[in-house]
Protein backbone atom coordinates (compact mmCIF):
# COMPACT_ATOMS: atom_id res chain seq x y z
CA MET A 1 -70.91 103.75 -51.70
CA ASN A 2 -67.88 101.55 -51.11
CA ILE A 3 -65.45 101.31 -54.01
CA TYR A 4 -63.25 98.20 -53.99
CA SER A 5 -59.80 97.83 -55.43
CA LYS A 6 -58.98 94.45 -56.99
CA ILE A 7 -55.63 92.96 -56.25
CA ARG A 8 -55.09 90.11 -58.61
CA ILE A 9 -52.76 87.39 -57.51
CA ILE A 10 -52.56 84.46 -59.91
CA ILE A 11 -51.06 81.23 -58.66
CA PHE A 12 -50.05 78.85 -61.46
CA ALA A 13 -49.93 75.11 -60.70
CA ALA A 14 -48.62 72.45 -63.05
CA ILE A 15 -51.14 72.40 -65.92
CA THR A 16 -51.31 69.36 -68.16
CA ALA A 17 -51.36 70.13 -71.88
CA LEU A 18 -54.67 69.07 -73.31
CA ALA A 19 -55.07 67.85 -76.87
CA SER A 20 -57.87 69.69 -78.64
CA SER A 21 -60.07 68.35 -81.40
CA CYS A 22 -60.90 70.58 -84.29
CA GLY A 23 -63.41 69.27 -86.82
CA GLU A 24 -62.54 65.61 -86.61
CA LYS A 25 -63.12 63.16 -83.82
CA ASN A 26 -59.99 61.73 -82.16
CA ASN A 27 -59.24 59.38 -79.35
CA SER A 28 -58.54 62.17 -76.75
CA GLU A 29 -60.85 62.30 -73.77
CA ASP A 30 -62.44 65.47 -72.44
CA PRO A 31 -60.49 66.85 -69.37
CA VAL A 32 -61.96 65.77 -66.08
CA GLN A 33 -62.25 68.38 -63.27
CA GLU A 34 -60.62 66.99 -60.15
CA LYS A 35 -62.43 67.92 -56.88
CA MET A 36 -61.50 71.45 -55.83
CA VAL A 37 -60.96 72.34 -52.18
CA PHE A 38 -60.39 75.92 -51.00
CA GLU A 39 -61.07 76.99 -47.43
CA ILE A 40 -59.96 79.95 -45.36
CA ASP A 41 -60.15 79.50 -41.58
CA ALA A 42 -61.71 82.93 -40.79
CA PRO A 43 -64.98 83.97 -39.05
CA LYS A 44 -67.72 85.70 -40.95
CA ASN A 45 -66.81 89.12 -39.52
CA VAL A 46 -63.21 90.07 -38.57
CA PRO A 47 -62.46 93.34 -36.74
CA PHE A 48 -59.00 95.11 -37.17
CA GLU A 49 -57.19 97.99 -35.59
CA LEU A 50 -55.55 100.53 -37.95
CA GLY A 51 -52.43 98.96 -39.46
CA GLU A 52 -53.07 95.55 -37.90
CA LYS A 53 -52.13 92.34 -39.78
CA LYS A 54 -53.90 89.06 -39.27
CA GLU A 55 -53.01 85.64 -40.58
CA PHE A 56 -55.52 82.79 -41.47
CA ASP A 57 -54.86 79.15 -42.25
CA VAL A 58 -55.71 78.01 -45.80
CA LYS A 59 -56.53 74.57 -47.19
CA ALA A 60 -56.25 74.38 -51.01
CA GLU A 61 -56.40 71.35 -53.36
CA ASN A 62 -56.47 71.26 -57.17
CA ILE A 63 -56.55 75.02 -57.52
CA THR A 64 -54.76 76.59 -60.50
CA ARG A 65 -55.32 80.26 -59.98
CA THR A 66 -57.00 82.79 -57.65
CA ILE A 67 -58.19 86.40 -57.69
CA ILE A 68 -58.37 88.43 -54.47
CA GLU A 69 -60.74 91.38 -54.07
CA THR A 70 -60.25 93.70 -51.04
CA PRO A 71 -61.89 96.94 -49.78
CA LYS A 72 -60.04 100.13 -50.80
CA GLY A 73 -56.85 100.59 -48.77
CA TRP A 74 -56.59 96.99 -47.55
CA THR A 75 -53.95 94.51 -48.64
CA ALA A 76 -54.02 90.70 -48.81
CA THR A 77 -51.51 88.01 -49.76
CA LEU A 78 -52.00 84.26 -50.33
CA THR A 79 -49.58 81.41 -50.13
CA GLU A 80 -50.18 77.65 -50.27
CA THR A 81 -51.13 77.53 -46.57
CA LYS A 82 -51.66 81.05 -45.30
CA PHE A 83 -53.81 84.11 -46.12
CA ASP A 84 -52.62 87.47 -44.67
CA VAL A 85 -54.81 90.52 -44.41
CA THR A 86 -53.55 93.98 -43.39
CA ALA A 87 -55.80 96.91 -42.44
CA PRO A 88 -55.11 100.49 -43.60
CA GLU A 89 -52.39 102.39 -41.62
CA ALA A 90 -54.47 105.53 -41.37
CA LEU A 91 -57.83 106.97 -42.43
CA ASN A 92 -58.26 109.21 -45.41
CA ASP A 93 -60.41 109.58 -48.53
CA ASP A 94 -58.61 106.68 -50.20
CA VAL A 95 -59.56 104.18 -47.49
CA THR A 96 -62.66 102.10 -46.99
CA THR A 97 -63.22 101.20 -43.33
CA GLU A 98 -65.24 97.99 -43.85
CA GLY A 99 -66.42 95.53 -46.48
CA PRO A 100 -65.92 92.00 -47.85
CA ILE A 101 -62.66 90.26 -48.80
CA THR A 102 -63.37 87.80 -51.57
CA VAL A 103 -61.12 85.09 -53.05
CA LEU A 104 -62.19 83.70 -56.45
CA TYR A 105 -60.60 80.36 -57.15
CA PHE A 106 -60.43 78.14 -60.30
CA GLY A 107 -59.61 74.53 -61.09
CA THR A 108 -58.00 72.74 -64.08
CA THR A 109 -61.00 73.13 -66.40
CA GLY A 110 -61.57 76.83 -65.64
CA THR A 111 -64.61 76.24 -63.44
CA GLY A 112 -64.42 78.11 -60.15
CA ASP A 113 -66.10 79.37 -56.97
CA LYS A 114 -65.45 81.95 -54.20
CA VAL A 115 -65.09 82.38 -50.49
CA SER A 116 -65.72 85.64 -48.68
CA PHE A 117 -65.66 87.20 -45.18
CA ASN A 118 -66.18 90.74 -43.89
CA VAL A 119 -63.44 92.98 -42.40
CA SER A 120 -63.74 96.28 -40.53
CA VAL A 121 -61.48 98.81 -38.77
CA ASN A 122 -62.36 99.68 -35.19
CA ILE A 123 -62.70 103.49 -35.19
CA PRO A 124 -63.57 105.29 -32.01
CA GLU A 125 -66.34 107.76 -32.33
CA ASP A 126 -65.09 111.12 -33.61
CA ALA A 127 -64.70 113.69 -30.83
CA ALA A 128 -65.39 117.30 -31.60
CA PHE A 129 -63.41 120.01 -29.77
CA THR A 130 -64.07 123.49 -28.47
CA ILE A 131 -60.93 125.67 -28.38
CA ASN A 132 -60.95 128.94 -26.32
CA ILE A 133 -58.01 131.36 -26.43
CA SER A 134 -57.75 134.22 -23.89
CA ASN A 135 -55.25 136.49 -22.11
CA VAL A 136 -53.15 136.97 -25.27
CA THR A 137 -49.95 139.01 -24.66
CA ASN A 138 -46.94 139.73 -26.82
CA SER A 139 -45.39 136.40 -25.79
CA SER A 140 -48.06 134.13 -24.44
CA ALA A 141 -51.72 133.00 -24.60
CA TYR A 142 -54.05 131.00 -22.37
CA VAL A 143 -55.51 127.98 -24.20
CA LYS A 144 -58.39 125.76 -23.12
CA VAL A 145 -59.40 122.66 -25.13
CA GLU A 146 -62.75 120.95 -24.37
CA PRO A 147 -63.42 117.69 -26.15
CA LYS A 148 -66.98 116.52 -26.66
CA ASP A 149 -65.95 112.97 -25.80
CA LYS A 150 -64.29 113.13 -22.35
CA THR A 151 -63.05 109.51 -22.59
CA SER A 152 -60.97 109.76 -25.80
CA ARG A 153 -57.36 110.79 -25.72
CA TYR A 154 -56.19 113.60 -27.94
CA TYR A 155 -53.19 115.76 -28.86
CA TRP A 156 -53.12 119.54 -29.00
CA ASN A 157 -50.41 122.09 -29.78
CA VAL A 158 -49.70 125.56 -31.11
CA VAL A 159 -47.93 126.32 -34.38
CA THR A 160 -47.31 129.47 -36.46
CA ASP A 161 -49.58 130.13 -39.39
CA GLU A 162 -46.53 129.59 -41.59
CA THR A 163 -46.14 126.03 -40.32
CA TRP A 164 -49.90 125.43 -40.47
CA ASN A 165 -50.11 126.53 -44.12
CA SER A 166 -47.02 124.51 -45.05
CA ILE A 167 -48.75 121.29 -43.98
CA SER A 168 -52.11 122.33 -45.45
CA GLY A 169 -53.76 122.28 -42.06
CA ASP A 170 -52.93 118.60 -41.43
CA ALA A 171 -52.85 118.33 -37.63
CA SER A 172 -51.69 114.70 -37.80
CA ALA A 173 -48.48 115.78 -39.54
CA VAL A 174 -47.39 117.80 -36.47
CA PHE A 175 -48.12 114.89 -34.16
CA THR A 176 -46.39 112.33 -36.34
CA ASP A 177 -43.27 114.51 -36.59
CA GLU A 178 -43.13 115.08 -32.83
CA LEU A 179 -43.64 111.36 -32.04
CA ALA A 180 -40.75 110.46 -34.37
CA GLN A 181 -38.48 113.06 -32.74
CA ILE A 182 -39.14 111.72 -29.23
CA LYS A 183 -38.66 108.09 -30.31
CA LYS A 184 -35.27 109.07 -31.78
CA GLN A 185 -34.26 111.14 -28.82
CA TYR A 186 -35.38 108.72 -26.16
CA PRO A 187 -35.20 105.20 -27.67
CA SER A 188 -35.62 103.48 -24.26
CA LEU A 189 -39.15 104.94 -23.77
CA THR A 190 -42.07 102.77 -24.80
CA LEU A 191 -44.76 104.02 -27.10
CA GLU A 192 -47.15 103.86 -24.10
CA ASP A 193 -44.90 106.08 -22.04
CA ILE A 194 -44.52 108.62 -24.85
CA LEU A 195 -48.29 108.77 -25.56
CA ASP A 196 -48.95 109.23 -21.79
CA GLY A 197 -46.73 112.33 -21.92
CA LEU A 198 -48.12 113.77 -25.12
CA LEU A 199 -51.87 113.12 -24.96
CA ASN A 200 -54.67 114.56 -22.91
CA MET A 201 -58.05 113.26 -21.80
CA GLY A 202 -60.88 115.49 -20.77
CA ASP A 203 -60.60 119.28 -20.63
CA SER A 204 -57.12 120.70 -20.89
CA GLU A 205 -55.99 124.28 -20.18
CA GLU A 206 -52.57 125.87 -20.13
CA GLU A 207 -50.68 129.12 -20.63
CA VAL A 208 -48.44 128.69 -23.66
CA SER A 209 -45.48 131.05 -23.29
CA GLY A 210 -42.28 131.91 -25.15
CA LEU A 211 -44.12 132.98 -28.30
CA PRO A 212 -42.69 135.58 -30.67
CA SER A 213 -44.56 138.89 -30.76
CA SER A 214 -46.65 140.14 -33.69
CA THR A 215 -47.04 136.59 -35.02
CA ASN A 216 -50.12 134.64 -36.16
CA PHE A 217 -50.78 131.18 -34.59
CA TYR A 218 -53.07 128.19 -34.89
CA VAL A 219 -54.16 126.08 -31.94
CA PHE A 220 -55.30 122.62 -32.98
CA ALA A 221 -56.56 119.36 -31.43
CA ILE A 222 -56.96 115.86 -32.85
CA ASN A 223 -57.83 112.44 -31.48
CA VAL A 224 -55.02 109.79 -31.21
CA ASN A 225 -55.47 106.09 -30.51
CA ASP A 226 -53.29 103.79 -28.43
CA ASN A 227 -51.24 102.84 -31.52
CA GLY A 228 -50.21 106.50 -32.02
CA ASP A 229 -52.54 106.96 -35.06
CA CYS A 230 -54.52 110.14 -35.43
CA TYR A 231 -58.20 109.75 -36.33
CA GLY A 232 -61.38 111.79 -36.73
CA THR A 233 -61.67 115.45 -37.64
CA SER A 234 -59.28 117.99 -36.11
CA ALA A 235 -60.37 121.36 -34.76
CA SER A 236 -58.35 124.58 -34.90
CA ALA A 237 -58.49 128.22 -33.77
CA GLN A 238 -56.40 131.26 -34.56
CA PHE A 239 -54.85 134.09 -32.59
CA SER A 240 -52.11 136.71 -32.94
CA THR A 241 -49.63 137.85 -30.29
CA LEU A 242 -49.36 141.55 -29.49
CA GLU A 243 -46.70 144.05 -30.42
CA PRO A 244 -43.42 143.76 -28.47
CA GLY A 245 -42.73 145.89 -25.38
CA ASP A 246 -39.77 148.28 -24.70
CA PRO A 247 -36.64 146.15 -24.06
CA LYS A 248 -35.30 148.83 -21.71
CA ASP A 249 -38.18 148.12 -19.30
CA CYS A 250 -37.54 144.37 -19.14
CA THR A 251 -36.28 142.80 -15.92
CA PHE A 252 -34.85 139.30 -15.42
CA ASP A 253 -35.36 136.80 -12.63
CA ILE A 254 -32.45 134.30 -12.42
CA GLU A 255 -32.64 130.95 -10.64
CA ILE A 256 -29.83 128.44 -10.08
CA LYS A 257 -30.77 124.73 -9.73
CA ASN A 258 -29.28 121.25 -9.85
CA LEU A 259 -26.03 122.69 -8.63
CA SER A 260 -23.09 120.34 -8.20
CA ALA A 261 -19.26 120.47 -8.26
CA SER A 262 -19.18 120.04 -12.03
CA GLU A 263 -22.33 121.62 -13.44
CA GLY A 264 -25.36 123.84 -12.69
CA THR A 265 -28.54 124.86 -14.47
CA VAL A 266 -29.46 128.54 -14.92
CA VAL A 267 -33.09 129.45 -15.47
CA VAL A 268 -33.80 133.01 -16.72
CA THR A 269 -37.36 134.42 -16.70
CA PRO A 270 -37.83 137.83 -18.38
CA SER A 271 -40.66 140.13 -17.33
CA ASP A 272 -41.50 140.57 -21.02
CA GLY A 273 -41.33 137.34 -22.97
CA SER A 274 -41.14 139.14 -26.32
CA VAL A 275 -37.77 140.75 -25.52
CA ARG A 276 -34.63 139.16 -26.98
CA TYR A 277 -31.79 138.84 -24.46
CA TRP A 278 -28.32 137.44 -23.80
CA THR A 279 -27.51 135.19 -20.88
CA SER A 280 -24.37 133.43 -19.76
CA ILE A 281 -22.11 132.78 -16.77
CA GLU A 282 -18.75 134.25 -15.81
CA GLU A 283 -16.36 133.53 -12.89
CA VAL A 284 -16.59 136.25 -10.30
CA ALA A 285 -12.79 136.60 -10.41
CA SER A 286 -12.84 137.57 -14.09
CA TRP A 287 -16.02 139.75 -14.07
CA ALA A 288 -15.30 142.94 -16.01
CA GLY A 289 -18.06 144.91 -14.37
CA ASP A 290 -21.72 145.55 -15.17
CA ALA A 291 -20.95 148.36 -17.59
CA ALA A 292 -18.04 146.62 -19.46
CA MET A 293 -19.45 143.09 -19.73
CA PRO A 294 -21.92 143.76 -22.60
CA GLY A 295 -19.09 145.32 -24.60
CA LYS A 296 -16.90 142.21 -24.18
CA VAL A 297 -19.82 140.00 -25.31
CA LYS A 298 -20.41 142.13 -28.40
CA GLU A 299 -16.71 141.95 -29.37
CA THR A 300 -16.91 138.15 -29.11
CA LEU A 301 -20.05 138.02 -31.29
CA GLU A 302 -18.55 140.34 -33.94
CA LYS A 303 -15.33 138.27 -34.13
CA TYR A 304 -17.37 135.09 -34.53
CA ALA A 305 -19.44 136.68 -37.28
CA SER A 306 -16.28 137.82 -39.07
CA ASP A 307 -14.53 134.44 -38.73
CA LYS A 308 -17.63 132.59 -40.03
CA ASN A 309 -18.44 135.25 -42.68
CA MET A 310 -21.87 135.70 -41.20
CA ASP A 311 -24.09 138.74 -40.63
CA ILE A 312 -24.09 139.86 -37.03
CA GLU A 313 -27.88 139.72 -37.02
CA LYS A 314 -27.80 135.97 -37.76
CA VAL A 315 -25.32 135.33 -35.02
CA VAL A 316 -27.36 137.30 -32.47
CA GLU A 317 -30.45 135.45 -33.55
CA GLY A 318 -28.71 132.12 -32.99
CA VAL A 319 -27.24 132.79 -29.52
CA SER A 320 -29.92 134.97 -27.83
CA TYR A 321 -33.21 133.98 -26.24
CA THR A 322 -36.87 135.04 -25.91
CA GLY A 323 -39.15 133.69 -23.20
CA VAL A 324 -37.91 131.51 -20.38
CA SER A 325 -34.47 129.96 -20.98
CA GLU A 326 -32.91 126.99 -19.15
CA GLU A 327 -29.27 126.02 -19.77
CA THR A 328 -26.87 123.72 -17.98
CA TRP A 329 -23.29 124.91 -17.70
CA ASP A 330 -20.03 123.03 -16.92
CA LEU A 331 -18.41 124.36 -13.77
CA GLU A 332 -15.13 124.05 -11.82
CA ALA A 333 -15.49 122.70 -8.28
CA ASN A 334 -15.75 125.22 -5.34
CA THR A 335 -15.75 128.27 -7.72
CA SER A 336 -17.91 131.42 -7.55
CA TYR A 337 -19.81 132.52 -10.67
CA TYR A 338 -22.19 135.18 -11.86
CA ALA A 339 -25.19 134.15 -13.93
CA TYR A 340 -26.27 137.26 -15.81
CA ALA A 341 -28.73 138.45 -18.43
CA TYR A 342 -29.63 141.71 -20.26
CA ALA A 343 -31.82 142.76 -23.24
CA MET A 344 -30.00 142.76 -26.54
CA ASP A 345 -30.80 144.30 -29.95
CA GLU A 346 -30.21 142.73 -33.33
CA GLN A 347 -26.68 144.18 -33.51
CA GLY A 348 -25.63 142.75 -30.11
CA ASN A 349 -25.89 145.99 -28.21
CA ALA A 350 -27.18 146.01 -24.61
CA LEU A 351 -30.60 147.56 -23.97
CA GLY A 352 -31.19 148.33 -20.34
CA ASP A 353 -29.51 147.11 -17.13
CA VAL A 354 -27.45 143.91 -16.53
CA PHE A 355 -29.12 141.57 -14.08
CA LYS A 356 -26.93 139.00 -12.31
CA LYS A 357 -26.94 136.40 -9.52
CA GLN A 358 -23.87 135.01 -7.74
CA PHE A 359 -23.50 131.29 -6.87
CA THR A 360 -20.70 128.91 -5.90
CA SER A 361 -20.30 125.32 -7.17
CA LYS A 362 -20.09 122.51 -4.68
CA SER A 363 -16.76 121.00 -3.63
CA THR A 364 -17.92 117.45 -4.41
CA ASP A 365 -20.68 115.89 -6.55
CA VAL A 366 -22.18 113.77 -3.78
CA SER A 367 -24.94 115.43 -1.74
CA ASP A 368 -25.20 115.13 2.03
CA ALA A 369 -28.94 114.39 1.59
CA ASP A 370 -29.47 110.93 3.00
CA ILE A 371 -31.94 108.31 4.32
CA SER A 372 -31.81 105.33 6.59
CA LEU A 373 -33.86 102.17 5.87
CA VAL A 374 -35.56 99.80 8.30
CA TYR A 375 -37.33 96.72 7.08
CA ARG A 376 -39.32 93.70 8.29
CA TYR A 377 -41.22 90.98 6.47
CA PHE A 378 -44.35 88.91 6.96
CA ASP A 379 -45.85 85.54 5.95
CA GLY A 380 -48.29 86.37 3.15
CA ASP A 381 -50.43 83.26 3.69
CA LYS A 382 -51.05 84.26 7.33
CA LEU A 383 -52.02 87.74 6.27
CA TYR A 384 -54.43 86.30 3.73
CA ASP A 385 -55.96 83.93 6.25
CA SER A 386 -56.45 86.80 8.68
CA ASP A 387 -58.34 88.93 6.11
CA ASN A 388 -58.58 87.64 2.56
CA THR A 389 -60.13 90.92 1.37
CA LYS A 390 -57.65 93.32 2.87
CA TRP A 391 -54.67 91.06 2.00
CA ALA A 392 -55.98 89.57 -1.22
CA ASN A 393 -52.58 89.95 -2.94
CA ALA A 394 -50.60 88.35 -0.16
CA LYS A 395 -51.50 84.71 -0.72
CA GLY A 396 -48.37 82.66 -1.59
CA LYS A 397 -46.12 85.72 -1.14
CA VAL A 398 -43.84 87.33 1.39
CA LEU A 399 -44.67 90.92 2.28
CA VAL A 400 -41.65 93.15 2.83
CA GLN A 401 -42.22 96.53 4.45
CA ALA A 402 -39.41 99.15 4.32
CA LYS A 403 -39.59 102.38 6.25
CA VAL A 404 -37.62 105.45 5.21
CA ASN A 405 -36.14 107.96 7.66
CA PRO A 406 -34.75 111.03 5.73
CA ASN A 407 -32.38 113.61 7.10
CA GLY A 408 -32.98 117.33 6.98
CA LEU A 409 -31.30 117.79 3.56
CA ALA A 410 -33.32 115.17 1.75
CA ALA A 411 -35.84 116.81 -0.57
CA SER A 412 -36.99 113.42 -1.81
CA TRP A 413 -35.75 109.86 -2.23
CA CYS A 414 -36.14 106.62 -4.15
CA VAL A 415 -36.41 103.13 -2.65
CA ALA A 416 -36.64 99.82 -4.48
CA LEU A 417 -36.44 96.07 -3.78
CA SER A 418 -34.66 93.84 -6.29
CA LYS A 419 -34.34 90.07 -6.41
CA GLY A 420 -30.82 88.71 -5.92
CA ASP A 421 -27.66 90.17 -4.45
CA LEU A 422 -26.92 93.66 -5.85
CA THR A 423 -24.40 94.67 -3.14
CA ASP A 424 -21.43 94.41 -5.60
CA ASP A 425 -20.97 97.95 -6.92
CA VAL A 426 -18.61 96.67 -9.65
CA SER A 427 -21.24 94.43 -11.23
CA TYR A 428 -23.98 96.89 -10.42
CA PRO A 429 -22.37 100.42 -10.60
CA ASP A 430 -24.18 103.21 -8.76
CA GLU A 431 -25.15 105.37 -11.67
CA PRO A 432 -26.98 102.84 -13.85
CA THR A 433 -28.47 101.20 -10.76
CA MET A 434 -29.93 104.50 -9.54
CA ASN A 435 -31.20 105.30 -13.03
CA ALA A 436 -32.97 101.92 -13.14
CA MET A 437 -34.40 102.56 -9.76
CA LEU A 438 -35.83 105.92 -10.85
CA GLN A 439 -37.49 104.17 -13.78
CA GLY A 440 -38.92 101.27 -11.84
CA GLY A 441 -38.64 102.25 -8.23
CA TYR A 442 -40.87 104.50 -6.08
CA SER A 443 -39.99 107.95 -4.79
CA GLY A 444 -41.02 109.95 -1.80
CA LYS A 445 -42.84 107.29 0.16
CA SER A 446 -42.05 106.85 3.90
CA MET A 447 -43.50 103.32 4.05
CA ASN A 448 -42.98 100.95 1.08
CA ASN A 449 -44.63 97.52 0.65
CA TYR A 450 -43.24 94.86 -1.63
CA TYR A 451 -44.63 91.40 -2.43
CA VAL A 452 -41.95 88.74 -3.09
CA ASP A 453 -42.70 85.31 -4.67
CA GLY A 454 -41.50 83.18 -1.75
CA TYR A 455 -38.47 83.29 0.51
CA LYS A 456 -35.53 84.56 -1.59
CA THR A 457 -32.40 86.64 -1.47
CA CYS A 458 -33.23 90.31 -2.19
CA THR A 459 -31.51 93.64 -2.03
CA LEU A 460 -33.11 96.71 -0.55
CA LEU A 461 -31.84 99.90 -2.31
CA GLY A 462 -32.30 103.55 -1.45
CA PHE A 463 -30.91 107.02 -1.93
CA ALA A 464 -31.95 110.62 -1.44
CA TRP A 465 -31.40 113.88 -3.27
CA ASP A 466 -31.27 117.50 -2.15
CA GLU A 467 -33.20 120.61 -3.27
CA TYR A 468 -30.78 121.03 -6.20
CA GLY A 469 -31.44 117.46 -7.49
CA ILE A 470 -27.95 116.18 -6.48
CA PHE A 471 -27.96 112.52 -5.41
CA GLY A 472 -26.68 111.32 -2.06
CA VAL A 473 -25.02 107.89 -1.47
CA LEU A 474 -26.73 104.76 -2.64
CA HIS A 475 -27.49 102.29 0.21
CA ARG A 476 -27.59 98.57 -0.49
CA GLN A 477 -28.91 96.22 2.14
CA LEU A 478 -28.95 92.41 1.57
CA LEU A 479 -32.14 90.66 2.70
CA GLU A 480 -32.13 86.91 3.24
CA LEU A 481 -35.85 86.15 3.49
CA THR A 482 -36.49 82.94 5.52
CA PRO A 483 -39.56 81.52 7.21
CA GLU A 484 -37.71 81.74 10.56
CA GLY A 485 -37.17 85.49 10.15
CA VAL A 486 -40.81 86.59 9.65
CA THR A 487 -42.40 89.15 11.96
CA ASP A 488 -45.76 88.34 13.60
CA ILE A 489 -48.61 89.72 11.50
CA SER A 490 -49.89 91.65 14.50
CA GLU A 491 -47.09 94.19 13.85
CA VAL A 492 -47.80 94.72 10.11
CA ALA A 493 -48.38 98.37 9.12
CA PRO A 494 -51.50 99.31 7.23
CA GLU A 495 -51.09 98.63 3.49
CA THR A 496 -51.58 101.82 1.54
CA SER A 497 -50.12 100.53 -1.72
CA SER A 498 -48.46 97.37 -3.04
CA LEU A 499 -45.21 97.77 -4.99
CA GLY A 500 -43.59 95.33 -7.43
CA VAL A 501 -40.12 93.89 -7.03
CA LEU A 502 -37.71 95.74 -9.27
CA LYS A 503 -35.58 93.77 -11.80
CA ILE A 504 -32.12 95.22 -12.27
CA SER A 505 -29.59 93.41 -14.38
CA ALA A 506 -25.83 93.83 -14.39
CA SER A 507 -25.99 95.23 -17.89
CA SER A 508 -28.52 97.89 -17.03
CA THR A 509 -27.55 101.24 -18.45
CA ILE A 510 -30.89 103.05 -18.47
CA GLN A 511 -30.55 106.80 -18.90
CA LEU A 512 -33.67 108.81 -18.17
CA PRO A 513 -34.56 112.26 -19.50
CA SER A 514 -34.55 114.95 -16.81
CA HIS A 515 -38.27 115.45 -17.37
CA ARG A 516 -41.02 113.89 -19.44
CA THR A 517 -41.17 115.62 -22.82
CA THR A 518 -44.53 117.12 -23.71
CA SER A 519 -45.80 118.80 -26.81
CA LYS A 520 -45.68 122.26 -25.20
CA THR A 521 -42.07 121.99 -24.03
CA ILE A 522 -40.90 121.12 -27.59
CA PHE A 523 -42.80 124.01 -29.15
CA ARG A 524 -40.08 126.57 -28.94
CA LYS A 525 -37.64 124.32 -30.81
CA ARG A 526 -39.96 124.42 -33.82
CA LEU A 527 -40.10 128.17 -34.28
């Protein structure tokens, strides 16, 4: 049974004082009701999305007051000319998903009438989930989530039982918190982009690693719509990680990536993800030796604990790692370093051997990875006339085809076509231009097709990067597209994909994250 809340909004108009007759007859006349008019321009049934607000035109004449009745959780406001209705932001026991909105209206003599229309929230069918957990170790577990509805998007994650109990098992609270964190950290990302990174559709399976040993966890899943609102009933399952292994038996694999003259990223992967360890870098010239280095680290940690009046256990907990670690370090150009790691106890003592890997920073920050670009363009109308099915998108356009020839050091590349002249590297500096290209351009294609709205001035842009992710030089090639410069359509390459023309402004300062953030990558930050 639907329960309706009544929101009473009383609108007072100028009311004429009426003389009343008590007992004796006087010359006053009885009040005359002027014709009332009250109309809301709304259909009989109005669907809403969660949190959506809709506005309807109102015509009102000779109305002195109104009373508005709405379904539970809905809000409505009335002015002289507009009637606004807002659907509930989320679903819970205090919300009614559908029902009538009624406006009672009254005239000068107190007589009245009502208008009404039905509202409802569009709620996708609830999707049930099956959660399977296997291959549990002291630091990882293999999770498979199978939704009953394979077409609905959903969010899943892993939290400790402490976190789960603190939010009373409300899966939507975890999602809402993570969504807010990503919006704050990456304000340039759209909601659509964020949801694409966070949500799944169909079966999902993954090994979740970096978990603390001897700890209880919950895996949960819940549906999320395109507005970022959770709906339906969540599902959850429990598991516990195993006891930790012996730190002395732990080995470490060390990888160096994104190496440049000024910085490099060190990735450390322990053989036992439950083991706590220390990792850092040190110049080869100042390396104290494998046996002495852990002692120097402990001295530094103890001094810091003393200076800050902290327990050494708290300091070690704050600076050490479990699971895979990835950290970017500032470097001096053309300098040799050791990246090293070893197991560490709560007092900062070394447990087992020191593992290290030597590397040398580059002399410059520009990679020798490079590409060359060759282009030609075609009359889109002639392509369309030759085959209006194959070239359906070419009508009224100019097709630009750009071919990429990479050198041996190019691991991948990015090419884009922008309207206008972008050859001035003062107005269009390399770094923001390249970032904008990465966001809107297309990477790794040897043949790129672009449709341009007519014969215009454009700039063809391209650059490569090496296996470490270091960018090469940015190439800028000015294209003056004219009818006289078109290539005969007999030479057009097969169209595998059609790319849009990139818009880059002189004020572009887009900074992209190094990778798309997902729920699983953020997990370790919560523990």
